[in-house]
Amino acid sequence: MIHDEALTPLHKQILNALCKIFEDIPKDNLKQYVHQVLPKLITLTESANQEFRQFYVIQFKQLAPLFQLNMKPYLKDIFKIIASTWTDYPEMSGLVIDLLAEIGKALGTEFSPFVSDLCPYLLAVVQMDTSKEKKLTEKALHCVSAINPCLDPHLHLIVPPVIYVIDDVENTSTNGYANVASKYSY
């Protein structure tokens, strides 16, 4: 049904139903469906407008914990989607960070080769989040926490922004970073 262009208006309902079905199937039985669903979801996301792109990114986020290592062959294409979403729709950066955290948790240490692809996004968040609440920074730190088992070779990239958050808490009168920093201990 998601392959039928005539049913594009129903893609949201179709994918919601698929995700619900996949949640109820034992994870060991999902492997056979990964290769049927992810390539089409990637294609749909690449050509989607903003509304559908947001929906599809949410679907990737929901599917990551279900498909786990079975999605590894598609990560290169998923990272292309992440990069284009980050660039074309900056208002979705929080959602992109959530997706990265879910993929990192789903793959565990198998996510290590992809951490270097992730670092630029996390670094950019800390540098560009000028909001008082620091919601993006909080999401970035949550993502760092989620991929913690993979970070050893990349600590030289991750530690400076975390230190920046801590230093900024000490040097500013706003408590946005303080609230964020207090939630994460490394």
N, C-alpha and C. Protein backbone atom coordinates (compact mmCIF):
# COMPACT_ATOMS: atom_id res chain seq x y z
N MET A 1 0.81 -1.20 0.00
CA MET A 1 0.00 0.00 0.00
C MET A 1 0.86 1.27 0.00
N ILE A 2 2.02 1.22 0.69
CA ILE A 2 2.86 2.41 0.66
C ILE A 2 3.61 2.54 -0.66
N HIS A 3 3.55 1.48 -1.47
CA HIS A 3 4.17 1.54 -2.79
C HIS A 3 3.23 2.14 -3.83
N ASP A 4 1.96 2.26 -3.50
CA ASP A 4 0.95 2.75 -4.43
C ASP A 4 0.84 4.27 -4.31
N GLU A 5 1.25 4.97 -5.37
CA GLU A 5 1.23 6.44 -5.40
C GLU A 5 -0.19 6.99 -5.21
N ALA A 6 -1.18 6.26 -5.66
CA ALA A 6 -2.57 6.72 -5.54
C ALA A 6 -3.01 6.79 -4.07
N LEU A 7 -2.31 6.07 -3.22
CA LEU A 7 -2.67 6.05 -1.80
C LEU A 7 -1.84 7.00 -0.95
N THR A 8 -1.12 7.91 -1.59
CA THR A 8 -0.29 8.86 -0.85
C THR A 8 -1.06 9.59 0.25
N PRO A 9 -2.29 10.03 0.00
CA PRO A 9 -3.01 10.70 1.10
C PRO A 9 -3.24 9.81 2.32
N LEU A 10 -3.13 8.51 2.14
CA LEU A 10 -3.36 7.57 3.24
C LEU A 10 -2.06 7.07 3.89
N HIS A 11 -0.92 7.57 3.42
CA HIS A 11 0.36 7.07 3.94
C HIS A 11 0.48 7.19 5.45
N LYS A 12 -0.03 8.27 6.00
CA LYS A 12 0.07 8.44 7.46
C LYS A 12 -0.67 7.32 8.17
N GLN A 13 -1.89 7.04 7.74
CA GLN A 13 -2.66 5.99 8.38
C GLN A 13 -2.02 4.62 8.16
N ILE A 14 -1.51 4.40 6.95
CA ILE A 14 -0.88 3.11 6.63
C ILE A 14 0.35 2.90 7.50
N LEU A 15 1.20 3.90 7.59
CA LEU A 15 2.43 3.76 8.39
C LEU A 15 2.14 3.67 9.88
N ASN A 16 1.14 4.40 10.35
CA ASN A 16 0.75 4.27 11.76
C ASN A 16 0.29 2.84 12.05
N ALA A 17 -0.50 2.28 11.14
CA ALA A 17 -0.97 0.90 11.31
C ALA A 17 0.20 -0.08 11.29
N LEU A 18 1.13 0.12 10.35
CA LEU A 18 2.31 -0.76 10.29
C LEU A 18 3.13 -0.70 11.57
N CYS A 19 3.35 0.51 12.08
CA CYS A 19 4.12 0.66 13.32
C CYS A 19 3.42 -0.06 14.47
N LYS A 20 2.11 0.06 14.54
CA LYS A 20 1.35 -0.61 15.60
C LYS A 20 1.49 -2.12 15.47
N ILE A 21 1.38 -2.62 14.25
CA ILE A 21 1.53 -4.06 14.02
C ILE A 21 2.94 -4.51 14.41
N PHE A 22 3.95 -3.75 13.99
CA PHE A 22 5.34 -4.11 14.30
C PHE A 22 5.60 -4.10 15.80
N GLU A 23 4.94 -3.21 16.53
CA GLU A 23 5.11 -3.17 17.99
C GLU A 23 4.59 -4.45 18.64
N ASP A 24 3.60 -5.08 18.02
CA ASP A 24 2.99 -6.28 18.59
C ASP A 24 3.66 -7.58 18.14
N ILE A 25 4.53 -7.51 17.15
CA ILE A 25 5.23 -8.70 16.65
C ILE A 25 6.54 -8.84 17.43
N PRO A 26 6.90 -10.06 17.82
CA PRO A 26 8.21 -10.24 18.48
C PRO A 26 9.34 -9.72 17.59
N LYS A 27 10.31 -9.05 18.20
CA LYS A 27 11.39 -8.41 17.44
C LYS A 27 12.13 -9.39 16.54
N ASP A 28 12.25 -10.64 16.97
CA ASP A 28 12.95 -11.64 16.15
C ASP A 28 12.25 -11.89 14.82
N ASN A 29 10.97 -11.63 14.76
CA ASN A 29 10.20 -11.88 13.53
C ASN A 29 10.12 -10.65 12.61
N LEU A 30 10.70 -9.54 13.02
CA LEU A 30 10.59 -8.31 12.23
C LEU A 30 11.59 -8.21 11.08
N LYS A 31 12.67 -8.98 11.16
CA LYS A 31 13.74 -8.86 10.17
C LYS A 31 13.22 -8.95 8.74
N GLN A 32 12.28 -9.84 8.50
CA GLN A 32 11.77 -10.03 7.14
C GLN A 32 11.04 -8.80 6.59
N TYR A 33 10.61 -7.91 7.48
CA TYR A 33 9.86 -6.74 7.04
C TYR A 33 10.73 -5.50 6.85
N VAL A 34 11.89 -5.50 7.46
CA VAL A 34 12.77 -4.33 7.38
C VAL A 34 13.07 -3.97 5.93
N HIS A 35 13.41 -4.97 5.14
CA HIS A 35 13.82 -4.73 3.75
C HIS A 35 12.64 -4.40 2.84
N GLN A 36 11.44 -4.60 3.34
CA GLN A 36 10.26 -4.20 2.59
C GLN A 36 9.83 -2.78 2.94
N VAL A 37 10.05 -2.38 4.18
CA VAL A 37 9.54 -1.11 4.67
C VAL A 37 10.55 0.03 4.55
N LEU A 38 11.78 -0.18 5.03
CA LEU A 38 12.73 0.93 5.09
C LEU A 38 13.09 1.53 3.73
N PRO A 39 13.36 0.75 2.69
CA PRO A 39 13.67 1.40 1.40
C PRO A 39 12.55 2.32 0.91
N LYS A 40 11.31 1.89 1.07
CA LYS A 40 10.19 2.73 0.62
C LYS A 40 10.04 3.95 1.52
N LEU A 41 10.22 3.77 2.82
CA LEU A 41 10.13 4.91 3.74
C LEU A 41 11.23 5.93 3.44
N ILE A 42 12.40 5.45 3.09
CA ILE A 42 13.51 6.35 2.72
C ILE A 42 13.13 7.13 1.46
N THR A 43 12.63 6.44 0.45
CA THR A 43 12.23 7.10 -0.80
C THR A 43 11.13 8.13 -0.56
N LEU A 44 10.14 7.76 0.23
CA LEU A 44 9.05 8.69 0.53
C LEU A 44 9.57 9.93 1.26
N THR A 45 10.46 9.72 2.21
CA THR A 45 10.99 10.83 3.01
C THR A 45 11.82 11.78 2.16
N GLU A 46 12.61 11.22 1.26
CA GLU A 46 13.47 12.05 0.41
C GLU A 46 12.67 13.03 -0.44
N SER A 47 11.49 12.63 -0.86
CA SER A 47 10.71 13.50 -1.75
C SER A 47 9.54 14.19 -1.04
N ALA A 48 9.49 14.08 0.27
CA ALA A 48 8.34 14.61 1.02
C ALA A 48 8.43 16.11 1.26
N ASN A 49 7.25 16.72 1.36
CA ASN A 49 7.19 18.12 1.80
C ASN A 49 7.44 18.15 3.31
N GLN A 50 7.43 19.34 3.89
CA GLN A 50 7.79 19.48 5.30
C GLN A 50 6.87 18.67 6.22
N GLU A 51 5.58 18.74 5.99
CA GLU A 51 4.64 18.03 6.87
C GLU A 51 4.88 16.53 6.84
N PHE A 52 4.99 15.98 5.62
CA PHE A 52 5.21 14.54 5.51
C PHE A 52 6.62 14.16 5.97
N ARG A 53 7.59 14.99 5.71
CA ARG A 53 8.96 14.70 6.16
C ARG A 53 8.97 14.56 7.68
N GLN A 54 8.32 15.48 8.36
CA GLN A 54 8.26 15.40 9.82
C GLN A 54 7.61 14.08 10.26
N PHE A 55 6.52 13.73 9.62
CA PHE A 55 5.83 12.49 9.95
C PHE A 55 6.74 11.28 9.70
N TYR A 56 7.43 11.26 8.56
CA TYR A 56 8.28 10.12 8.23
C TYR A 56 9.47 10.01 9.19
N VAL A 57 10.04 11.14 9.57
CA VAL A 57 11.14 11.11 10.54
C VAL A 57 10.65 10.53 11.87
N ILE A 58 9.44 10.88 12.25
CA ILE A 58 8.85 10.30 13.47
C ILE A 58 8.70 8.78 13.31
N GLN A 59 8.34 8.33 12.11
CA GLN A 59 8.21 6.89 11.87
C GLN A 59 9.57 6.19 12.00
N PHE A 60 10.62 6.81 11.45
CA PHE A 60 11.96 6.24 11.63
C PHE A 60 12.29 6.12 13.11
N LYS A 61 11.94 7.15 13.85
CA LYS A 61 12.20 7.18 15.30
C LYS A 61 11.46 6.04 16.00
N GLN A 62 10.24 5.76 15.59
CA GLN A 62 9.46 4.67 16.20
C GLN A 62 9.96 3.30 15.75
N LEU A 63 10.44 3.21 14.53
CA LEU A 63 10.89 1.92 14.00
C LEU A 63 12.28 1.53 14.49
N ALA A 64 13.12 2.50 14.82
CA ALA A 64 14.50 2.20 15.22
C ALA A 64 14.58 1.19 16.36
N PRO A 65 13.84 1.37 17.46
CA PRO A 65 13.95 0.38 18.54
C PRO A 65 13.38 -0.99 18.16
N LEU A 66 12.51 -1.03 17.16
CA LEU A 66 11.92 -2.29 16.73
C LEU A 66 12.84 -3.03 15.77
N PHE A 67 13.40 -2.32 14.81
CA PHE A 67 14.23 -2.94 13.78
C PHE A 67 15.67 -3.14 14.23
N GLN A 68 16.13 -2.34 15.15
CA GLN A 68 17.47 -2.41 15.74
C GLN A 68 18.55 -2.64 14.69
N LEU A 69 19.39 -3.66 14.87
CA LEU A 69 20.53 -3.87 13.98
C LEU A 69 20.12 -4.15 12.54
N ASN A 70 18.90 -4.57 12.32
CA ASN A 70 18.44 -4.85 10.96
C ASN A 70 18.37 -3.59 10.10
N MET A 71 18.38 -2.43 10.72
CA MET A 71 18.33 -1.19 9.94
C MET A 71 19.73 -0.70 9.55
N LYS A 72 20.75 -1.36 10.03
CA LYS A 72 22.13 -0.91 9.78
C LYS A 72 22.45 -0.74 8.29
N PRO A 73 22.01 -1.64 7.39
CA PRO A 73 22.32 -1.44 5.97
C PRO A 73 21.73 -0.15 5.37
N TYR A 74 20.77 0.43 6.05
CA TYR A 74 20.08 1.62 5.54
C TYR A 74 20.55 2.91 6.20
N LEU A 75 21.50 2.82 7.11
CA LEU A 75 21.90 4.01 7.86
C LEU A 75 22.52 5.09 6.99
N LYS A 76 23.25 4.71 5.96
CA LYS A 76 23.83 5.73 5.07
C LYS A 76 22.73 6.59 4.46
N ASP A 77 21.67 5.95 3.99
CA ASP A 77 20.54 6.69 3.41
C ASP A 77 19.78 7.47 4.48
N ILE A 78 19.64 6.89 5.66
CA ILE A 78 18.95 7.59 6.75
C ILE A 78 19.75 8.82 7.17
N PHE A 79 21.09 8.71 7.20
CA PHE A 79 21.90 9.87 7.54
C PHE A 79 21.81 10.96 6.46
N LYS A 80 21.61 10.58 5.21
CA LYS A 80 21.38 11.59 4.17
C LYS A 80 20.08 12.34 4.44
N ILE A 81 19.06 11.60 4.86
CA ILE A 81 17.78 12.23 5.21
C ILE A 81 17.96 13.15 6.41
N ILE A 82 18.70 12.68 7.40
CA ILE A 82 18.97 13.49 8.58
C ILE A 82 19.67 14.79 8.19
N ALA A 83 20.69 14.67 7.34
CA ALA A 83 21.45 15.86 6.91
C ALA A 83 20.57 16.84 6.15
N SER A 84 19.76 16.33 5.22
CA SER A 84 18.92 17.24 4.44
C SER A 84 17.81 17.84 5.30
N THR A 85 17.27 17.07 6.23
CA THR A 85 16.25 17.61 7.13
C THR A 85 16.85 18.69 8.01
N TRP A 86 18.04 18.44 8.52
CA TRP A 86 18.74 19.41 9.38
C TRP A 86 18.95 20.72 8.63
N THR A 87 19.36 20.62 7.37
CA THR A 87 19.66 21.80 6.56
C THR A 87 18.40 22.50 6.07
N ASP A 88 17.46 21.73 5.53
CA ASP A 88 16.28 22.30 4.89
C ASP A 88 15.18 22.71 5.87
N TYR A 89 15.13 22.04 7.01
CA TYR A 89 14.07 22.28 7.99
C TYR A 89 14.66 22.41 9.40
N PRO A 90 15.36 23.51 9.67
CA PRO A 90 16.02 23.65 10.98
C PRO A 90 15.06 23.56 12.16
N GLU A 91 13.79 23.86 11.92
CA GLU A 91 12.82 23.76 13.01
C GLU A 91 12.59 22.30 13.43
N MET A 92 13.07 21.36 12.64
CA MET A 92 12.94 19.94 12.98
C MET A 92 14.20 19.38 13.64
N SER A 93 15.14 20.24 13.99
CA SER A 93 16.41 19.74 14.53
C SER A 93 16.22 18.95 15.82
N GLY A 94 15.27 19.34 16.65
CA GLY A 94 15.00 18.58 17.87
C GLY A 94 14.53 17.17 17.56
N LEU A 95 13.67 17.04 16.56
CA LEU A 95 13.19 15.73 16.13
C LEU A 95 14.33 14.90 15.56
N VAL A 96 15.21 15.54 14.78
CA VAL A 96 16.36 14.85 14.22
C VAL A 96 17.27 14.32 15.34
N ILE A 97 17.49 15.13 16.36
CA ILE A 97 18.32 14.69 17.48
C ILE A 97 17.66 13.52 18.20
N ASP A 98 16.34 13.58 18.37
CA ASP A 98 15.63 12.45 18.98
C ASP A 98 15.79 11.18 18.15
N LEU A 99 15.72 11.31 16.82
CA LEU A 99 15.91 10.16 15.94
C LEU A 99 17.32 9.60 16.11
N LEU A 100 18.32 10.47 16.13
CA LEU A 100 19.70 10.01 16.31
C LEU A 100 19.87 9.26 17.62
N ALA A 101 19.25 9.76 18.68
CA ALA A 101 19.33 9.08 19.98
C ALA A 101 18.67 7.70 19.91
N GLU A 102 17.53 7.61 19.25
CA GLU A 102 16.84 6.31 19.13
C GLU A 102 17.66 5.32 18.32
N ILE A 103 18.26 5.79 17.23
CA ILE A 103 19.10 4.91 16.42
C ILE A 103 20.30 4.46 17.25
N GLY A 104 20.92 5.39 17.97
CA GLY A 104 22.06 5.05 18.81
C GLY A 104 21.71 4.02 19.87
N LYS A 105 20.58 4.20 20.53
CA LYS A 105 20.14 3.22 21.54
C LYS A 105 19.85 1.87 20.89
N ALA A 106 19.21 1.89 19.72
CA ALA A 106 18.82 0.65 19.05
C ALA A 106 20.02 -0.16 18.59
N LEU A 107 21.07 0.52 18.17
CA LEU A 107 22.24 -0.18 17.65
C LEU A 107 23.29 -0.47 18.71
N GLY A 108 23.23 0.21 19.84
CA GLY A 108 24.23 -0.01 20.88
C GLY A 108 25.63 0.29 20.37
N THR A 109 26.57 -0.58 20.67
CA THR A 109 27.96 -0.36 20.26
C THR A 109 28.14 -0.46 18.74
N GLU A 110 27.18 -1.05 18.05
CA GLU A 110 27.24 -1.12 16.59
C GLU A 110 27.06 0.26 15.95
N PHE A 111 26.69 1.23 16.75
CA PHE A 111 26.51 2.60 16.26
C PHE A 111 27.85 3.34 16.16
N SER A 112 28.90 2.77 16.74
CA SER A 112 30.21 3.43 16.80
C SER A 112 30.69 4.01 15.47
N PRO A 113 30.60 3.28 14.36
CA PRO A 113 31.09 3.85 13.10
C PRO A 113 30.35 5.11 12.65
N PHE A 114 29.18 5.35 13.21
CA PHE A 114 28.36 6.46 12.77
C PHE A 114 28.45 7.67 13.70
N VAL A 115 29.16 7.52 14.81
CA VAL A 115 29.26 8.62 15.78
C VAL A 115 29.92 9.84 15.15
N SER A 116 30.91 9.62 14.30
CA SER A 116 31.57 10.77 13.67
C SER A 116 30.61 11.53 12.76
N ASP A 117 29.61 10.85 12.19
CA ASP A 117 28.58 11.53 11.40
C ASP A 117 27.64 12.33 12.30
N LEU A 118 27.48 11.88 13.52
CA LEU A 118 26.57 12.51 14.46
C LEU A 118 27.16 13.74 15.13
N CYS A 119 28.45 13.72 15.39
CA CYS A 119 29.10 14.79 16.16
C CYS A 119 28.83 16.19 15.62
N PRO A 120 28.89 16.44 14.32
CA PRO A 120 28.64 17.81 13.85
C PRO A 120 27.27 18.35 14.24
N TYR A 121 26.27 17.49 14.27
CA TYR A 121 24.93 17.94 14.65
C TYR A 121 24.89 18.33 16.12
N LEU A 122 25.48 17.49 16.96
CA LEU A 122 25.47 17.78 18.39
C LEU A 122 26.28 19.02 18.71
N LEU A 123 27.41 19.18 18.05
CA LEU A 123 28.23 20.37 18.27
C LEU A 123 27.50 21.63 17.82
N ALA A 124 26.82 21.54 16.69
CA ALA A 124 26.08 22.70 16.19
C ALA A 124 24.97 23.11 17.15
N VAL A 125 24.34 22.14 17.76
CA VAL A 125 23.25 22.44 18.70
C VAL A 125 23.76 23.27 19.86
N VAL A 126 24.83 22.83 20.47
CA VAL A 126 25.37 23.54 21.63
C VAL A 126 25.78 24.96 21.24
N GLN A 127 26.31 25.11 20.03
CA GLN A 127 26.77 26.42 19.58
C GLN A 127 25.62 27.33 19.16
N MET A 128 24.52 26.76 18.66
CA MET A 128 23.46 27.62 18.12
C MET A 128 22.26 27.78 19.04
N ASP A 129 22.16 27.00 20.10
CA ASP A 129 21.00 27.07 20.98
C ASP A 129 21.11 28.29 21.88
N THR A 130 20.45 29.36 21.47
CA THR A 130 20.48 30.60 22.25
C THR A 130 19.20 30.80 23.06
N SER A 131 18.34 29.80 23.03
CA SER A 131 17.09 29.93 23.76
C SER A 131 17.33 29.87 25.27
N LYS A 132 16.45 30.46 26.00
CA LYS A 132 16.57 30.47 27.46
C LYS A 132 16.37 29.06 28.03
N GLU A 133 15.46 28.30 27.44
CA GLU A 133 15.13 26.97 27.97
C GLU A 133 16.16 25.91 27.61
N LYS A 134 16.92 26.11 26.53
CA LYS A 134 17.97 25.18 26.09
C LYS A 134 17.42 23.79 25.78
N LYS A 135 16.24 23.73 25.16
CA LYS A 135 15.62 22.44 24.85
C LYS A 135 16.47 21.62 23.87
N LEU A 136 17.04 22.29 22.85
CA LEU A 136 17.88 21.55 21.90
C LEU A 136 19.14 21.03 22.58
N THR A 137 19.72 21.84 23.45
CA THR A 137 20.90 21.39 24.18
C THR A 137 20.55 20.19 25.04
N GLU A 138 19.39 20.24 25.67
CA GLU A 138 18.95 19.10 26.48
C GLU A 138 18.80 17.85 25.63
N LYS A 139 18.22 17.99 24.45
CA LYS A 139 18.07 16.84 23.55
C LYS A 139 19.44 16.33 23.11
N ALA A 140 20.37 17.24 22.84
CA ALA A 140 21.72 16.83 22.43
C ALA A 140 22.41 16.06 23.55
N LEU A 141 22.28 16.54 24.77
CA LEU A 141 22.90 15.84 25.90
C LEU A 141 22.22 14.49 26.14
N HIS A 142 20.93 14.41 25.92
CA HIS A 142 20.23 13.12 26.02
C HIS A 142 20.78 12.17 24.95
N CYS A 143 21.01 12.68 23.76
CA CYS A 143 21.56 11.87 22.67
C CYS A 143 22.95 11.37 23.04
N VAL A 144 23.78 12.25 23.59
CA VAL A 144 25.12 11.85 24.03
C VAL A 144 25.01 10.74 25.07
N SER A 145 24.08 10.88 25.98
CA SER A 145 23.86 9.86 27.00
C SER A 145 23.43 8.54 26.37
N ALA A 146 22.59 8.60 25.34
CA ALA A 146 22.09 7.39 24.67
C ALA A 146 23.19 6.64 23.93
N ILE A 147 24.16 7.37 23.39
CA ILE A 147 25.22 6.72 22.61
C ILE A 147 26.51 6.58 23.42
N ASN A 148 26.42 6.76 24.70
CA ASN A 148 27.58 6.72 25.59
C ASN A 148 28.51 5.53 25.34
N PRO A 149 27.99 4.30 25.10
CA PRO A 149 28.90 3.17 24.88
C PRO A 149 29.80 3.32 23.65
N CYS A 150 29.48 4.22 22.76
CA CYS A 150 30.23 4.38 21.51
C CYS A 150 31.19 5.57 21.53
N LEU A 151 31.26 6.29 22.61
CA LEU A 151 31.91 7.60 22.59
C LEU A 151 33.42 7.61 22.79
N ASP A 152 34.01 6.57 23.32
CA ASP A 152 35.43 6.62 23.66
C ASP A 152 36.32 7.22 22.57
N PRO A 153 36.25 6.75 21.33
CA PRO A 153 37.15 7.32 20.31
C PRO A 153 36.80 8.76 19.92
N HIS A 154 35.65 9.24 20.36
CA HIS A 154 35.17 10.56 19.95
C HIS A 154 35.09 11.55 21.10
N LEU A 155 35.61 11.18 22.24
CA LEU A 155 35.51 12.06 23.41
C LEU A 155 36.13 13.43 23.16
N HIS A 156 37.19 13.47 22.36
CA HIS A 156 37.83 14.76 22.07
C HIS A 156 36.88 15.71 21.34
N LEU A 157 35.86 15.17 20.69
CA LEU A 157 34.86 16.00 20.02
C LEU A 157 33.67 16.33 20.93
N ILE A 158 33.35 15.44 21.83
CA ILE A 158 32.16 15.59 22.66
C ILE A 158 32.43 16.39 23.93
N VAL A 159 33.58 16.18 24.55
CA VAL A 159 33.85 16.82 25.85
C VAL A 159 33.84 18.35 25.76
N PRO A 160 34.48 18.98 24.78
CA PRO A 160 34.48 20.45 24.76
C PRO A 160 33.09 21.09 24.78
N PRO A 161 32.11 20.61 23.98
CA PRO A 161 30.79 21.24 24.08
C PRO A 161 30.12 21.01 25.44
N VAL A 162 30.35 19.84 26.03
CA VAL A 162 29.77 19.58 27.35
C VAL A 162 30.40 20.52 28.37
N ILE A 163 31.70 20.72 28.28
CA ILE A 163 32.39 21.67 29.17
C ILE A 163 31.85 23.08 28.94
N TYR A 164 31.60 23.42 27.67
CA TYR A 164 31.04 24.73 27.34
C TYR A 164 29.71 24.94 28.07
N VAL A 165 28.87 23.90 28.07
CA VAL A 165 27.58 23.99 28.76
C VAL A 165 27.81 24.25 30.24
N ILE A 166 28.74 23.52 30.83
CA ILE A 166 29.03 23.69 32.26
C ILE A 166 29.60 25.08 32.53
N ASP A 167 30.55 25.52 31.70
CA ASP A 167 31.13 26.85 31.87
C ASP A 167 30.08 27.94 31.72
N ASP A 168 29.17 27.76 30.76
CA ASP A 168 28.15 28.77 30.53
C ASP A 168 27.20 28.88 31.73
N VAL A 169 26.98 27.78 32.41
CA VAL A 169 26.16 27.81 33.62
C VAL A 169 26.80 28.73 34.65
N GLU A 170 28.12 28.64 34.76
CA GLU A 170 28.83 29.44 35.75
C GLU A 170 28.94 30.90 35.35
N ASN A 171 28.91 31.19 34.05
CA ASN A 171 29.19 32.54 33.57
C ASN A 171 27.96 33.34 33.15
N THR A 172 26.78 32.77 33.23
CA THR A 172 25.59 33.51 32.81
C THR A 172 24.59 33.58 33.94
N SER A 173 23.72 34.54 33.80
CA SER A 173 22.68 34.67 34.83
C SER A 173 21.45 33.83 34.49
N THR A 174 21.37 33.33 33.24
CA THR A 174 20.22 32.49 32.89
C THR A 174 20.43 31.11 33.47
N ASN A 175 19.35 30.45 33.76
CA ASN A 175 19.49 29.13 34.33
C ASN A 175 19.10 28.02 33.35
N GLY A 176 18.98 28.34 32.07
CA GLY A 176 18.65 27.32 31.07
C GLY A 176 19.66 26.20 31.03
N TYR A 177 20.95 26.55 30.93
CA TYR A 177 21.97 25.52 30.92
C TYR A 177 22.05 24.81 32.26
N ALA A 178 21.82 25.54 33.33
CA ALA A 178 21.87 24.92 34.66
C ALA A 178 20.83 23.81 34.77
N ASN A 179 19.63 24.08 34.28
CA ASN A 179 18.59 23.06 34.31
C ASN A 179 18.97 21.86 33.47
N VAL A 180 19.55 22.11 32.29
CA VAL A 180 19.95 21.03 31.41
C VAL A 180 21.11 20.25 32.02
N ALA A 181 22.13 20.96 32.47
CA ALA A 181 23.32 20.31 33.00
C ALA A 181 23.01 19.47 34.23
N SER A 182 22.05 19.89 35.01
CA SER A 182 21.73 19.15 36.23
C SER A 182 21.07 17.80 35.94
N LYS A 183 20.54 17.62 34.74
CA LYS A 183 19.87 16.37 34.38
C LYS A 183 20.83 15.29 33.92
N TYR A 184 22.04 15.68 33.55
CA TYR A 184 22.98 14.72 32.97
C TYR A 184 24.27 14.74 33.74
N SER A 185 24.69 13.58 34.18
CA SER A 185 26.00 13.46 34.83
C SER A 185 26.77 12.40 34.09
N TYR A 186 27.96 12.75 33.68
CA TYR A 186 28.77 11.82 32.87
C TYR A 186 29.93 11.29 33.67
